Amino acid sequence: MMTEKLELQPNEPLSVKVERHRAAYLAAVNGEGGADMDQEANARMEIIRHAPSDQDERDQKLLYVAGYLIASNGSLNPEEMELLLSGSTSLSGH
């Protein structure tokens, strides 16, 4: 039996995390499928905690978060901002 719940994997590509967040955000905003903002926040945190593998991925991560903030007219809490800034200066495996 297959489950609908997506398991979070630490080594998932950024693109998978972005798609998960995008779906959670749209579902929460549109009130679909019992989605809530906690699911959106968890999916967003996966992106913020993502360790970029190279400069391009780091830039993609920062651009996605910036785009999300503009589109949602939202903001990051202090913990998210600290994680984003600390994670954006280092690359995994470097």
Protein backbone atom coordinates (compact mmCIF):
# COMPACT_ATOMS: atom_id res chain seq x y z
CA MET A 1 0.00 0.00 0.00
CA MET A 2 1.43 3.36 -1.02
CA THR A 3 1.15 6.32 1.27
CA GLU A 4 0.47 9.85 0.05
CA LYS A 5 2.68 11.41 2.72
CA LEU A 6 6.04 12.44 1.31
CA GLU A 7 8.94 11.36 3.46
CA LEU A 8 11.59 14.01 3.94
CA GLN A 9 15.00 12.88 2.79
CA PRO A 10 18.10 14.79 3.88
CA ASN A 11 19.82 14.31 0.52
CA GLU A 12 16.86 15.26 -1.66
CA PRO A 13 17.62 17.68 -4.48
CA LEU A 14 16.62 21.29 -3.94
CA SER A 15 14.15 21.00 -6.85
CA VAL A 16 12.18 18.31 -4.98
CA LYS A 17 12.01 20.47 -1.86
CA VAL A 18 10.94 23.49 -3.93
CA GLU A 19 8.11 21.52 -5.56
CA ARG A 20 6.96 20.22 -2.16
CA HIS A 21 6.93 23.72 -0.71
CA ARG A 22 5.19 25.18 -3.74
CA ALA A 23 2.44 22.55 -3.54
CA ALA A 24 2.04 23.00 0.23
CA TYR A 25 1.92 26.79 -0.09
CA LEU A 26 -0.68 26.75 -2.88
CA ALA A 27 -2.80 24.16 -1.06
CA ALA A 28 -2.68 26.14 2.18
CA VAL A 29 -3.50 29.44 0.47
CA ASN A 30 -6.36 27.86 -1.48
CA GLY A 31 -7.60 25.82 1.50
CA GLU A 32 -7.28 22.54 -0.39
CA GLY A 33 -7.05 19.04 1.00
CA GLY A 34 -6.91 20.05 4.64
CA ALA A 35 -3.50 21.63 4.07
CA ASP A 36 -2.42 24.15 6.64
CA MET A 37 0.27 26.72 7.12
CA ASP A 38 2.21 24.36 9.44
CA GLN A 39 2.78 22.05 6.46
CA GLU A 40 3.86 25.04 4.40
CA ALA A 41 6.23 26.19 7.15
CA ASN A 42 7.77 22.72 7.44
CA ALA A 43 8.30 22.51 3.69
CA ARG A 44 9.78 26.03 3.67
CA MET A 45 12.17 25.07 6.49
CA GLU A 46 13.41 22.12 4.42
CA ILE A 47 14.48 24.60 1.74
CA ILE A 48 16.05 26.96 4.25
CA ARG A 49 18.01 24.09 5.84
CA HIS A 50 19.09 22.69 2.47
CA ALA A 51 22.88 22.64 2.09
CA PRO A 52 23.66 23.75 -1.48
CA SER A 53 26.07 21.53 -3.38
CA ASP A 54 27.48 24.37 -5.49
CA GLN A 55 27.25 28.09 -6.18
CA ASP A 56 24.42 27.69 -8.71
CA GLU A 57 22.29 25.74 -6.24
CA ARG A 58 23.01 28.30 -3.54
CA ASP A 59 21.81 31.05 -5.87
CA GLN A 60 18.70 29.01 -6.81
CA LYS A 61 17.87 28.54 -3.14
CA LEU A 62 18.21 32.25 -2.35
CA LEU A 63 16.21 33.25 -5.44
CA TYR A 64 13.42 30.84 -4.54
CA VAL A 65 13.19 32.13 -0.97
CA ALA A 66 13.23 35.74 -2.22
CA GLY A 67 10.51 34.95 -4.75
CA TYR A 68 8.41 33.24 -2.10
CA LEU A 69 8.73 36.25 0.21
CA ILE A 70 7.71 38.65 -2.56
CA ALA A 71 4.81 36.49 -3.78
CA SER A 72 3.46 35.79 -0.30
CA ASN A 73 4.21 39.26 1.04
CA GLY A 74 5.66 37.32 3.97
CA SER A 75 8.75 37.42 6.09
CA LEU A 76 11.12 34.99 7.74
CA ASN A 77 11.27 34.56 11.47
CA PRO A 78 14.65 35.21 13.15
CA GLU A 79 15.56 31.49 13.24
CA GLU A 80 14.80 31.09 9.52
CA MET A 81 16.78 34.22 8.65
CA GLU A 82 19.79 33.06 10.67
CA LEU A 83 19.70 29.60 9.07
CA LEU A 84 19.33 31.06 5.59
CA LEU A 85 22.21 33.49 6.04
CA SER A 86 24.54 30.96 7.66
CA GLY A 87 23.67 28.32 5.06
CA SER A 88 24.10 30.70 2.15
CA THR A 89 27.75 31.37 2.90
CA SER A 90 28.89 27.75 2.96
CA LEU A 91 28.55 24.94 0.47
CA SER A 92 28.24 21.28 1.41
CA GLY A 93 31.39 19.31 0.76
CA HIS A 94 33.55 22.44 0.59
